[in-house]
C-alpha atoms as a PDB file:
ATOM      1  CA  UNK A   1      92.135  98.436 103.067  1.00  0.00           C
ATOM      2  CA  UNK A   2      94.694 100.586 104.896  1.00  0.00           C
ATOM      3  CA  UNK A   3      98.279 101.180 103.747  1.00  0.00           C
ATOM      4  CA  UNK A   4     101.848  99.487 104.915  1.00  0.00           C
ATOM      5  CA  UNK A   5     103.813 101.118 107.366  1.00  0.00           C
ATOM      6  CA  UNK A   6     106.750 102.836 106.857  1.00  0.00           C
ATOM      7  CA  UNK A   7     109.902 101.313 107.769  1.00  0.00           C
ATOM      8  CA  UNK A   8     112.251 103.788 107.344  1.00  0.00           C
ATOM      9  CA  UNK A   9     116.073 103.337 109.042  1.00  0.00           C
ATOM     10  CA  UNK A  10     117.384 105.855 111.203  1.00  0.00           C
ATOM     11  CA  UNK A  11     120.247 107.477 109.564  1.00  0.00           C
ATOM     12  CA  UNK A  12     123.166 110.061 110.478  1.00  0.00           C
ATOM     13  CA  UNK A  13     124.203 113.447 108.668  1.00  0.00           C
ATOM     14  CA  UNK A  14     125.865 111.453 105.498  1.00  0.00           C
ATOM     15  CA  UNK A  15     122.834 109.224 105.085  1.00  0.00           C
ATOM     16  CA  UNK A  16     124.493 106.212 106.379  1.00  0.00           C
ATOM     17  CA  UNK A  17     122.347 103.994 108.921  1.00  0.00           C
ATOM     18  CA  UNK A  18     123.844 104.459 112.329  1.00  0.00           C
ATOM     19  CA  UNK A  19     122.129 101.172 113.441  1.00  0.00           C
ATOM     20  CA  UNK A  20     122.395  97.544 112.443  1.00  0.00           C
ATOM     21  CA  UNK A  21     119.746  95.950 110.919  1.00  0.00           C
ATOM     22  CA  UNK A  22     117.468  94.217 112.746  1.00  0.00           C
ATOM     23  CA  UNK A  23     116.976  90.327 111.662  1.00  0.00           C
ATOM     24  CA  UNK A  24     113.538  89.326 111.439  1.00  0.00           C
ATOM     25  CA  UNK A  25     112.139  88.053 114.956  1.00  0.00           C
ATOM     26  CA  UNK A  26     110.711  84.873 113.190  1.00  0.00           C
ATOM     27  CA  UNK A  27     112.050  82.432 110.517  1.00  0.00           C
ATOM     28  CA  UNK A  28     109.471  81.538 107.295  1.00  0.00           C
ATOM     29  CA  UNK A  29     109.868  78.375 108.641  1.00  0.00           C
ATOM     30  CA  UNK A  30     107.796  79.074 112.132  1.00  0.00           C
ATOM     31  CA  UNK A  31     104.627  76.832 112.024  1.00  0.00           C
ATOM     32  CA  UNK A  32     102.576  79.938 113.229  1.00  0.00           C
ATOM     33  CA  UNK A  33     102.956  81.493 109.730  1.00  0.00           C
ATOM     34  CA  UNK A  34     100.570  78.740 108.339  1.00  0.00           C
ATOM     35  CA  UNK A  35      98.632  79.725 110.488  1.00  0.00           C
ATOM     36  CA  UNK A  36      98.512  83.222 110.031  1.00  0.00           C
ATOM     37  CA  UNK A  37      98.356  82.503 105.918  1.00  0.00           C
ATOM     38  CA  UNK A  38      95.431  80.532 106.702  1.00  0.00           C
ATOM     39  CA  UNK A  39      93.618  82.884 108.755  1.00  0.00           C
ATOM     40  CA  UNK A  40      93.835  85.699 106.403  1.00  0.00           C
ATOM     41  CA  UNK A  41      92.662  82.814 103.874  1.00  0.00           C
ATOM     42  CA  UNK A  42      89.355  82.618 105.540  1.00  0.00           C
ATOM     43  CA  UNK A  43      89.441  86.889 106.060  1.00  0.00           C
ATOM     44  CA  UNK A  44      89.655  87.250 102.368  1.00  0.00           C
ATOM     45  CA  UNK A  45      86.773  84.520 101.613  1.00  0.00           C
ATOM     46  CA  UNK A  46      84.493  85.744 104.426  1.00  0.00           C
ATOM     47  CA  UNK A  47      85.187  89.721 103.079  1.00  0.00           C
ATOM     48  CA  UNK A  48      83.780  88.318  99.680  1.00  0.00           C
ATOM     49  CA  UNK A  49      80.536  86.935 100.284  1.00  0.00           C
ATOM     50  CA  UNK A  50      80.138  89.972 103.127  1.00  0.00           C
ATOM     51  CA  UNK A  51      80.999  92.339 100.507  1.00  0.00           C
ATOM     52  CA  UNK A  52      78.484  90.723  97.751  1.00  0.00           C
ATOM     53  CA  UNK A  53      75.831  90.421 100.107  1.00  0.00           C
ATOM     54  CA  UNK A  54      76.001  94.376 101.147  1.00  0.00           C
ATOM     55  CA  UNK A  55      76.037  95.361  97.608  1.00  0.00           C
ATOM     56  CA  UNK A  56      72.483  94.686  97.463  1.00  0.00           C
ATOM     57  CA  UNK A  57      72.185  97.466 100.634  1.00  0.00           C
ATOM     58  CA  UNK A  58      73.508 100.319  97.763  1.00  0.00           C
ATOM     59  CA  UNK A  59      71.009 102.808  96.987  1.00  0.00           C
ATOM     60  CA  UNK A  60      72.319 102.556  93.359  1.00  0.00           C
ATOM     61  CA  UNK A  61      74.499 100.842  90.752  1.00  0.00           C
ATOM     62  CA  UNK A  62      77.876 102.898  91.488  1.00  0.00           C
ATOM     63  CA  UNK A  63      77.511 101.669  95.201  1.00  0.00           C
ATOM     64  CA  UNK A  64      76.866  98.347  93.996  1.00  0.00           C
ATOM     65  CA  UNK A  65      80.014  98.396  91.548  1.00  0.00           C
ATOM     66  CA  UNK A  66      82.289  99.746  94.249  1.00  0.00           C
ATOM     67  CA  UNK A  67      81.507  96.500  96.372  1.00  0.00           C
ATOM     68  CA  UNK A  68      81.940  94.001  93.775  1.00  0.00           C
ATOM     69  CA  UNK A  69      84.986  95.606  93.136  1.00  0.00           C
ATOM     70  CA  UNK A  70      86.693  95.450  96.400  1.00  0.00           C
ATOM     71  CA  UNK A  71      84.743  91.662  97.040  1.00  0.00           C
ATOM     72  CA  UNK A  72      86.603  90.937  93.450  1.00  0.00           C
ATOM     73  CA  UNK A  73      89.641  92.091  95.497  1.00  0.00           C
ATOM     74  CA  UNK A  74      89.134  90.063  98.144  1.00  0.00           C
ATOM     75  CA  UNK A  75      89.325  87.028  96.175  1.00  0.00           C
ATOM     76  CA  UNK A  76      92.432  87.822  94.359  1.00  0.00           C
ATOM     77  CA  UNK A  77      94.238  88.227  97.804  1.00  0.00           C
ATOM     78  CA  UNK A  78      92.899  84.881  98.860  1.00  0.00           C
ATOM     79  CA  UNK A  79      94.232  83.478  96.004  1.00  0.00           C
ATOM     80  CA  UNK A  80      97.299  84.820  96.898  1.00  0.00           C
ATOM     81  CA  UNK A  81      97.712  83.148 100.364  1.00  0.00           C
ATOM     82  CA  UNK A  82      96.179  80.041  98.509  1.00  0.00           C
ATOM     83  CA  UNK A  83      99.424  79.955  96.167  1.00  0.00           C
ATOM     84  CA  UNK A  84     101.376  80.204  99.381  1.00  0.00           C
ATOM     85  CA  UNK A  85      99.837  77.430 101.648  1.00  0.00           C
ATOM     86  CA  UNK A  86     100.494  75.055  98.417  1.00  0.00           C
ATOM     87  CA  UNK A  87     104.096  75.953  97.972  1.00  0.00           C
ATOM     88  CA  UNK A  88     104.226  74.846 102.074  1.00  0.00           C
ATOM     89  CA  UNK A  89     102.277  71.436 100.931  1.00  0.00           C
ATOM     90  CA  UNK A  90      99.177  72.440 103.056  1.00  0.00           C
ATOM     91  CA  UNK A  91      95.591  72.416 101.977  1.00  0.00           C
ATOM     92  CA  UNK A  92      94.236  75.838 102.552  1.00  0.00           C
ATOM     93  CA  UNK A  93      90.610  74.726 103.052  1.00  0.00           C
ATOM     94  CA  UNK A  94      91.241  72.626 106.309  1.00  0.00           C
ATOM     95  CA  UNK A  95      93.622  74.791 107.239  1.00  0.00           C
ATOM     96  CA  UNK A  96      92.034  78.204 107.236  1.00  0.00           C
ATOM     97  CA  UNK A  97      88.477  76.485 108.247  1.00  0.00           C
ATOM     98  CA  UNK A  98      89.886  76.473 111.996  1.00  0.00           C
ATOM     99  CA  UNK A  99      89.467  80.167 111.867  1.00  0.00           C
ATOM    100  CA  UNK A 100      85.807  79.821 110.778  1.00  0.00           C
ATOM    101  CA  UNK A 101      84.155  80.362 114.099  1.00  0.00           C
ATOM    102  CA  UNK A 102      85.913  83.186 115.384  1.00  0.00           C
ATOM    103  CA  UNK A 103      85.655  85.102 111.989  1.00  0.00           C
ATOM    104  CA  UNK A 104      81.880  83.789 111.485  1.00  0.00           C
ATOM    105  CA  UNK A 105      81.053  85.000 115.340  1.00  0.00           C
ATOM    106  CA  UNK A 106      82.430  88.755 114.782  1.00  0.00           C
ATOM    107  CA  UNK A 107      80.580  89.146 111.332  1.00  0.00           C
ATOM    108  CA  UNK A 108      77.510  87.892 112.709  1.00  0.00           C
ATOM    109  CA  UNK A 109      77.806  90.295 115.851  1.00  0.00           C
ATOM    110  CA  UNK A 110      78.613  93.015 113.324  1.00  0.00           C
ATOM    111  CA  UNK A 111      76.035  92.834 110.694  1.00  0.00           C
ATOM    112  CA  UNK A 112      75.106  95.864 109.264  1.00  0.00           C
ATOM    113  CA  UNK A 113      71.308  96.993 109.221  1.00  0.00           C
ATOM    114  CA  UNK A 114      72.038 100.431 106.704  1.00  0.00           C
ATOM    115  CA  UNK A 115      73.917 100.975 103.630  1.00  0.00           C
ATOM    116  CA  UNK A 116      75.961 103.485 105.506  1.00  0.00           C
ATOM    117  CA  UNK A 117      77.020 100.863 108.233  1.00  0.00           C
ATOM    118  CA  UNK A 118      77.716  98.625 105.443  1.00  0.00           C
ATOM    119  CA  UNK A 119      80.036 101.463 104.208  1.00  0.00           C
ATOM    120  CA  UNK A 120      81.755 101.936 107.730  1.00  0.00           C
ATOM    121  CA  UNK A 121      82.556  98.494 108.483  1.00  0.00           C
ATOM    122  CA  UNK A 122      84.227  97.971 105.311  1.00  0.00           C
ATOM    123  CA  UNK A 123      86.337 100.847 106.114  1.00  0.00           C
ATOM    124  CA  UNK A 124      87.029 101.028 109.782  1.00  0.00           C
ATOM    125  CA  UNK A 125      86.310  97.567 110.366  1.00  0.00           C
ATOM    126  CA  UNK A 126      88.695  95.851 107.919  1.00  0.00           C
ATOM    127  CA  UNK A 127      91.011  98.303 108.606  1.00  0.00           C
ATOM    128  CA  UNK A 128      91.363  97.031 112.229  1.00  0.00           C
ATOM    129  CA  UNK A 129      92.256  93.754 111.182  1.00  0.00           C
ATOM    130  CA  UNK A 130      94.176  94.995 108.651  1.00  0.00           C
ATOM    131  CA  UNK A 131      96.458  96.938 111.252  1.00  0.00           C
ATOM    132  CA  UNK A 132      97.128  93.706 112.990  1.00  0.00           C
ATOM    133  CA  UNK A 133      98.221  91.825 110.574  1.00  0.00           C
ATOM    134  CA  UNK A 134     100.738  93.930 109.141  1.00  0.00           C
ATOM    135  CA  UNK A 135     102.034  94.739 112.726  1.00  0.00           C
ATOM    136  CA  UNK A 136     102.771  90.898 112.448  1.00  0.00           C
ATOM    137  CA  UNK A 137     103.848  91.818 109.296  1.00  0.00           C
ATOM    138  CA  UNK A 138     106.711  93.677 110.686  1.00  0.00           C
ATOM    139  CA  UNK A 139     108.423  91.006 112.450  1.00  0.00           C
ATOM    140  CA  UNK A 140     107.998  88.491 109.775  1.00  0.00           C
ATOM    141  CA  UNK A 141     111.169  87.371 106.713  1.00  0.00           C
ATOM    142  CA  UNK A 142     111.353  88.896 103.885  1.00  0.00           C
ATOM    143  CA  UNK A 143     109.298  86.545 101.827  1.00  0.00           C
ATOM    144  CA  UNK A 144     106.305  85.819 104.314  1.00  0.00           C
ATOM    145  CA  UNK A 145     105.905  89.496 105.464  1.00  0.00           C
ATOM    146  CA  UNK A 146     105.457  90.421 101.277  1.00  0.00           C
ATOM    147  CA  UNK A 147     103.012  87.850 101.082  1.00  0.00           C
ATOM    148  CA  UNK A 148     101.103  89.536 103.932  1.00  0.00           C
ATOM    149  CA  UNK A 149     101.538  93.234 102.691  1.00  0.00           C
ATOM    150  CA  UNK A 150     100.552  91.925  99.389  1.00  0.00           C
ATOM    151  CA  UNK A 151      97.051  90.949 100.211  1.00  0.00           C
ATOM    152  CA  UNK A 152      96.171  94.013 102.638  1.00  0.00           C
ATOM    153  CA  UNK A 153      97.759  96.478 100.230  1.00  0.00           C
ATOM    154  CA  UNK A 154      95.500  99.922  99.574  1.00  0.00           C
ATOM    155  CA  UNK A 155      93.324  98.974  96.489  1.00  0.00           C
ATOM    156  CA  UNK A 156      91.973 102.348  96.412  1.00  0.00           C
ATOM    157  CA  UNK A 157      88.575 100.467  96.072  1.00  0.00           C
ATOM    158  CA  UNK A 158      87.315 101.788  99.719  1.00  0.00           C
ATOM    159  CA  UNK A 159      87.374 105.511  99.360  1.00  0.00           C
ATOM    160  CA  UNK A 160      84.365 106.189  98.091  1.00  0.00           C
ATOM    161  CA  UNK A 161      83.142 105.179 101.271  1.00  0.00           C
ATOM    162  CA  UNK A 162      84.509 108.716 102.769  1.00  0.00           C
ATOM    163  CA  UNK A 163      82.647 110.735 100.696  1.00  0.00           C
ATOM    164  CA  UNK A 164      79.318 109.120 100.899  1.00  0.00           C
ATOM    165  CA  UNK A 165      79.959 108.830 105.075  1.00  0.00           C
ATOM    166  CA  UNK A 166      81.215 112.376 105.230  1.00  0.00           C
ATOM    167  CA  UNK A 167      78.082 113.603 103.036  1.00  0.00           C
ATOM    168  CA  UNK A 168      75.829 111.785 105.202  1.00  0.00           C
ATOM    169  CA  UNK A 169      77.182 112.907 108.507  1.00  0.00           C
ATOM    170  CA  UNK A 170      77.615 115.978 107.238  1.00  0.00           C
ATOM    171  CA  UNK A 171      73.805 116.370 106.820  1.00  0.00           C
ATOM    172  CA  UNK A 172      72.453 115.075 109.492  1.00  0.00           C
ATOM    173  CA  UNK A 173      74.030 114.757 113.655  1.00  0.00           C
ATOM    174  CA  UNK A 174      71.360 111.956 113.993  1.00  0.00           C
ATOM    175  CA  UNK A 175      73.469 109.843 111.774  1.00  0.00           C
ATOM    176  CA  UNK A 176      76.920 111.019 112.780  1.00  0.00           C
ATOM    177  CA  UNK A 177      76.082 109.638 116.399  1.00  0.00           C
ATOM    178  CA  UNK A 178      74.730 106.471 115.390  1.00  0.00           C
ATOM    179  CA  UNK A 179      77.307 105.615 112.969  1.00  0.00           C
ATOM    180  CA  UNK A 180      80.106 106.931 115.671  1.00  0.00           C
ATOM    181  CA  UNK A 181      78.718 104.233 117.807  1.00  0.00           C
ATOM    182  CA  UNK A 182      78.843 101.999 115.232  1.00  0.00           C
ATOM    183  CA  UNK A 183      82.330 102.551 114.741  1.00  0.00           C
ATOM    184  CA  UNK A 184      83.372 101.800 118.507  1.00  0.00           C
ATOM    185  CA  UNK A 185      81.148  99.315 118.650  1.00  0.00           C
ATOM    186  CA  UNK A 186      83.202  97.545 115.672  1.00  0.00           C
ATOM    187  CA  UNK A 187      86.581  98.450 117.090  1.00  0.00           C
ATOM    188  CA  UNK A 188      85.492  96.903 120.519  1.00  0.00           C
ATOM    189  CA  UNK A 189      84.061  93.429 118.271  1.00  0.00           C
ATOM    190  CA  UNK A 190      87.415  93.194 116.651  1.00  0.00           C
ATOM    191  CA  UNK A 191      89.599  93.540 119.564  1.00  0.00           C
ATOM    192  CA  UNK A 192      87.521  91.130 121.529  1.00  0.00           C
ATOM    193  CA  UNK A 193      87.590  88.180 118.385  1.00  0.00           C
ATOM    194  CA  UNK A 194      91.296  89.140 118.413  1.00  0.00           C
ATOM    195  CA  UNK A 195      92.241  87.797 121.603  1.00  0.00           C
ATOM    196  CA  UNK A 196      89.741  84.716 121.114  1.00  0.00           C
ATOM    197  CA  UNK A 197      92.007  83.582 117.921  1.00  0.00           C
ATOM    198  CA  UNK A 198      95.113  83.982 119.788  1.00  0.00           C
ATOM    199  CA  UNK A 199      94.080  82.283 122.937  1.00  0.00           C
ATOM    200  CA  UNK A 200      92.625  79.447 120.699  1.00  0.00           C
ATOM    201  CA  UNK A 201      95.953  78.857 118.563  1.00  0.00           C
ATOM    202  CA  UNK A 202      99.217  78.468 120.335  1.00  0.00           C
ATOM    203  CA  UNK A 203     101.240  79.023 117.115  1.00  0.00           C
ATOM    204  CA  UNK A 204     100.034  81.658 115.907  1.00  0.00           C
ATOM    205  CA  UNK A 205     100.036  83.617 119.833  1.00  0.00           C
ATOM    206  CA  UNK A 206     104.177  82.279 119.322  1.00  0.00           C
ATOM    207  CA  UNK A 207     104.398  83.815 116.034  1.00  0.00           C
ATOM    208  CA  UNK A 208     103.068  87.034 117.771  1.00  0.00           C
ATOM    209  CA  UNK A 209     105.419  87.277 120.691  1.00  0.00           C
ATOM    210  CA  UNK A 210     108.649  86.279 118.465  1.00  0.00           C
ATOM    211  CA  UNK A 211     108.496  90.065 117.738  1.00  0.00           C
ATOM    212  CA  UNK A 212     109.047  92.304 120.927  1.00  0.00           C
ATOM    213  CA  UNK A 213     107.373  94.957 120.566  1.00  0.00           C
ATOM    214  CA  UNK A 214     103.901  92.622 120.489  1.00  0.00           C
ATOM    215  CA  UNK A 215     104.531  91.647 123.679  1.00  0.00           C
ATOM    216  CA  UNK A 216     103.023  93.915 125.293  1.00  0.00           C
ATOM    217  CA  UNK A 217      99.591  93.000 123.663  1.00  0.00           C
ATOM    218  CA  UNK A 218      98.182  95.986 125.719  1.00  0.00           C
ATOM    219  CA  UNK A 219     100.137  98.478 123.505  1.00  0.00           C
ATOM    220  CA  UNK A 220      99.376  97.039 120.779  1.00  0.00           C
ATOM    221  CA  UNK A 221      95.692  97.483 121.533  1.00  0.00           C
ATOM    222  CA  UNK A 222      96.505 100.751 122.503  1.00  0.00           C
ATOM    223  CA  UNK A 223      98.017 101.653 119.096  1.00  0.00           C
ATOM    224  CA  UNK A 224      94.607 100.037 117.580  1.00  0.00           C
ATOM    225  CA  UNK A 225      92.583 102.394 119.308  1.00  0.00           C
ATOM    226  CA  UNK A 226      94.547 105.758 117.943  1.00  0.00           C
ATOM    227  CA  UNK A 227      94.723 104.368 114.851  1.00  0.00           C
ATOM    228  CA  UNK A 228      90.779 103.516 115.196  1.00  0.00           C
ATOM    229  CA  UNK A 229      90.378 107.237 115.896  1.00  0.00           C
ATOM    230  CA  UNK A 230      92.269 108.254 113.464  1.00  0.00           C
ATOM    231  CA  UNK A 231      89.868 106.684 110.601  1.00  0.00           C
ATOM    232  CA  UNK A 232      87.119 107.983 112.526  1.00  0.00           C
ATOM    233  CA  UNK A 233      88.170 111.221 112.143  1.00  0.00           C
ATOM    234  CA  UNK A 234      88.504 111.063 108.491  1.00  0.00           C
ATOM    235  CA  UNK A 235      84.613 109.607 108.198  1.00  0.00           C
ATOM    236  CA  UNK A 236      83.444 112.634 110.308  1.00  0.00           C
ATOM    237  CA  UNK A 237      82.934 110.680 113.171  1.00  0.00           C
ATOM    238  CA  UNK A 238      85.250 112.125 115.717  1.00  0.00           C
END
């Protein structure tokens, strides 16, 4: 999905840190942690079903296998989140169902009509969600941040998307323009749905706002747009 951002410490000429270590902005007991795990859990389940459906659009067996591999990884990630919630005494199903409306609405509004659109959504759309969650993970205490990063870690499965999309857009300007528009639509819908989720869940908002860097949400969404542009360049769409 996306790589984990580095968090290198500032060092002096001797290699020792020149700044005191920063304590996590939120505690592991913050009620928003349960909400975040539940949101992620539903996202993984929704992604599993989406990928298995979209695998049927693949023009060959290789494409279907790659999509199926990604779908299997999503369910493995769901199980990590389920276990993390159960350790907190939370039943995953009712907890994550609260987020069904927003996530299903996003997928309904961004249903791909072609195999190439499905590939771009897998590479770009899912990475936008990962950017959002990983930004929050940076302000979480170790165990919480570790769970988030583990379920958003780069699996390598999506790398096949780059080759297929770049080949298609190199061969056809029409495809490049179509997919560039599609990619921008994915960005717009992802930001809109993220805002809806935050507006409807106070504990999650409080968790997000506990990190000073996220108190300026406009700056955060600007950052999403910058990483989105980088991925479009990787796909040959910018």
